[in-house]
């Protein structure tokens, strides 16, 4: 059986061994075309699947991630996950299209209407900022809302997710 499997894969079994020895053989033109077409279809399919989800939830880790376009060219990201301690880790950030350090953003975050962050965040050299807080979960569904406003441009990023 092993010899038949090894022959089917185009390799030979070394004498006195159960381990097949791999012989490199050049791919036929037909196999190359099949390989390239399969890869192209896979990449095209992956691209269309990857572009669809805006929010992703993971039951295994107990987390929700939401990416959203802001009112300008920036992109916001909100991630909420349950820690081993039972608390919720809320991570909110904005990534500006222009990589400019020191840009101020007024940030407000709330859970079921209770504000737990009111802050001014400044971007780092890559034009992004991120704020992470641990909060006690509310009974029932936690409606987490994060909002950042660039006071110079008026650009606004607002993301909400139930958890």
Protein backbone atom coordinates (compact mmCIF):
# COMPACT_ATOMS: atom_id res chain seq x y z
CA UNK A 1 0.00 0.00 0.00
CA UNK A 2 2.78 2.45 0.92
CA UNK A 3 4.60 1.59 -2.30
CA UNK A 4 1.45 2.27 -4.32
CA UNK A 5 0.89 5.59 -2.53
CA UNK A 6 4.51 6.60 -3.06
CA UNK A 7 4.32 5.67 -6.73
CA UNK A 8 1.07 7.57 -7.12
CA UNK A 9 2.74 10.72 -5.75
CA UNK A 10 5.66 10.18 -8.10
CA UNK A 11 8.24 9.20 -5.52
CA UNK A 12 10.03 5.99 -4.70
CA UNK A 13 10.40 4.13 -1.44
CA UNK A 14 13.97 3.71 -0.29
CA UNK A 15 14.98 0.05 0.03
CA UNK A 16 14.55 -1.20 3.60
CA UNK A 17 12.61 1.91 4.67
CA UNK A 18 8.95 2.71 5.14
CA UNK A 19 9.57 6.39 4.47
CA UNK A 20 9.18 7.51 0.87
CA UNK A 21 12.12 9.35 -0.66
CA UNK A 22 11.01 12.33 -2.72
CA UNK A 23 12.32 12.56 -6.26
CA UNK A 24 11.99 15.98 -7.80
CA UNK A 25 10.29 15.82 -11.16
CA UNK A 26 9.60 18.80 -13.38
CA UNK A 27 5.95 19.84 -13.52
CA UNK A 28 4.20 19.28 -16.80
CA UNK A 29 2.78 22.27 -18.65
CA UNK A 30 -0.73 21.04 -17.88
CA UNK A 31 -0.03 20.80 -14.12
CA UNK A 32 1.51 24.29 -14.11
CA UNK A 33 -1.54 25.79 -15.83
CA UNK A 34 -3.85 23.92 -13.42
CA UNK A 35 -1.81 25.15 -10.43
CA UNK A 36 -1.84 28.79 -11.63
CA UNK A 37 -5.56 28.78 -12.41
CA UNK A 38 -6.39 27.20 -9.04
CA UNK A 39 -4.29 29.82 -7.27
CA UNK A 40 -5.93 32.67 -9.19
CA UNK A 41 -9.41 31.39 -8.41
CA UNK A 42 -8.45 30.96 -4.75
CA UNK A 43 -7.01 34.48 -4.50
CA UNK A 44 -10.03 35.99 -6.28
CA UNK A 45 -12.36 34.12 -3.96
CA UNK A 46 -10.35 35.10 -0.89
CA UNK A 47 -10.41 38.75 -1.90
CA UNK A 48 -14.15 38.78 -2.30
CA UNK A 49 -14.69 36.98 1.00
CA UNK A 50 -12.21 39.17 2.90
CA UNK A 51 -13.84 42.37 1.64
CA UNK A 52 -17.31 41.44 2.88
CA UNK A 53 -17.09 41.36 6.69
CA UNK A 54 -16.99 44.67 8.54
CA UNK A 55 -17.64 43.18 11.95
CA UNK A 56 -16.19 39.90 13.09
CA UNK A 57 -17.22 37.96 16.15
CA UNK A 58 -15.40 35.04 17.68
CA UNK A 59 -17.29 32.78 20.04
CA UNK A 60 -14.08 30.94 20.93
CA UNK A 61 -12.35 34.05 22.27
CA UNK A 62 -15.46 36.03 23.22
CA UNK A 63 -14.51 39.04 21.12
CA UNK A 64 -16.05 41.41 18.59
CA UNK A 65 -14.06 43.56 16.17
CA UNK A 66 -15.60 46.33 14.07
CA UNK A 67 -13.72 48.31 11.41
CA UNK A 68 -15.36 51.43 9.97
CA UNK A 69 -14.52 54.28 7.64
CA UNK A 70 -14.60 57.67 9.31
CA UNK A 71 -16.22 60.77 7.81
CA UNK A 72 -12.90 61.66 6.11
CA UNK A 73 -10.10 59.38 4.93
CA UNK A 74 -9.31 57.79 8.31
CA UNK A 75 -10.34 54.31 9.47
CA UNK A 76 -11.57 53.42 12.95
CA UNK A 77 -11.36 50.11 14.80
CA UNK A 78 -13.24 48.95 17.89
CA UNK A 79 -12.49 45.65 19.60
CA UNK A 80 -14.34 44.36 22.64
CA UNK A 81 -13.37 41.11 24.32
CA UNK A 82 -14.03 39.37 27.61
CA UNK A 83 -10.91 38.83 29.70
CA UNK A 84 -10.29 35.81 31.94
CA UNK A 85 -11.16 38.03 34.91
CA UNK A 86 -14.67 38.60 33.49
CA UNK A 87 -13.98 42.25 32.68
CA UNK A 88 -14.35 43.65 29.18
CA UNK A 89 -11.30 44.93 27.33
CA UNK A 90 -12.32 47.78 25.03
CA UNK A 91 -9.75 48.88 22.46
CA UNK A 92 -10.59 51.82 20.19
CA UNK A 93 -8.28 53.37 17.67
CA UNK A 94 -8.10 55.51 14.57
CA UNK A 95 -5.63 55.21 11.72
CA UNK A 96 -5.27 58.35 9.62
CA UNK A 97 -4.52 58.03 5.92
CA UNK A 98 -1.74 60.58 6.35
CA UNK A 99 1.04 59.44 8.65
CA UNK A 100 1.22 62.54 10.82
CA UNK A 101 2.35 62.44 14.43
CA UNK A 102 0.85 64.64 17.14
CA UNK A 103 -2.65 65.11 15.70
CA UNK A 104 -5.20 65.51 18.52
CA UNK A 105 -8.47 63.58 18.61
CA UNK A 106 -11.21 64.09 21.24
CA UNK A 107 -12.28 60.60 22.30
CA UNK A 108 -15.41 59.48 24.14
CA UNK A 109 -16.29 55.86 24.92
CA UNK A 110 -19.40 54.57 26.67
CA UNK A 111 -21.07 51.32 27.69
CA UNK A 112 -24.89 51.36 27.79
CA UNK A 113 -24.73 55.16 28.01
CA UNK A 114 -22.22 55.27 30.90
CA UNK A 115 -19.14 57.17 29.74
CA UNK A 116 -15.87 55.51 30.75
CA UNK A 117 -13.41 57.46 28.55
CA UNK A 118 -13.25 61.19 27.91
CA UNK A 119 -9.79 61.96 26.64
CA UNK A 120 -7.64 63.66 24.05
CA UNK A 121 -5.49 61.17 22.15
CA UNK A 122 -2.53 62.15 20.00
CA UNK A 123 -1.40 60.17 16.99
CA UNK A 124 2.02 58.53 16.91
CA UNK A 125 4.42 58.66 13.96
CA UNK A 126 2.32 56.32 11.80
CA UNK A 127 -0.74 58.57 12.16
CA UNK A 128 -2.67 56.34 14.54
CA UNK A 129 -3.75 56.18 18.15
CA UNK A 130 -5.29 53.49 20.29
CA UNK A 131 -6.93 53.58 23.72
CA UNK A 132 -7.53 50.41 25.73
CA UNK A 133 -9.60 50.22 28.91
CA UNK A 134 -10.80 47.38 31.15
CA UNK A 135 -14.38 47.85 32.32
CA UNK A 136 -16.86 45.88 34.39
CA UNK A 137 -19.59 44.46 32.14
CA UNK A 138 -23.17 45.65 32.57
CA UNK A 139 -25.95 43.09 33.06
CA UNK A 140 -27.37 41.87 29.75
CA UNK A 141 -26.04 43.23 26.46
CA UNK A 142 -23.27 45.81 26.60
CA UNK A 143 -23.77 48.49 23.93
CA UNK A 144 -20.25 49.87 23.51
CA UNK A 145 -19.94 53.15 21.59
CA UNK A 146 -16.64 54.83 20.72
CA UNK A 147 -16.34 58.25 19.09
CA UNK A 148 -13.33 60.31 18.05
CA UNK A 149 -13.40 63.81 16.59
CA UNK A 150 -10.47 65.63 15.01
CA UNK A 151 -11.10 69.24 16.14
CA UNK A 152 -8.94 70.72 13.34
CA UNK A 153 -10.67 69.00 10.43
CA UNK A 154 -14.01 68.02 11.96
CA UNK A 155 -13.48 64.42 10.84
CA UNK A 156 -15.53 62.04 13.00
CA UNK A 157 -15.19 58.32 13.68
CA UNK A 158 -18.10 56.66 15.50
CA UNK A 159 -18.36 52.92 16.01
CA UNK A 160 -20.79 50.93 18.12
CA UNK A 161 -21.25 47.26 18.81
CA UNK A 162 -23.38 45.15 21.10
CA UNK A 163 -21.46 42.66 23.23
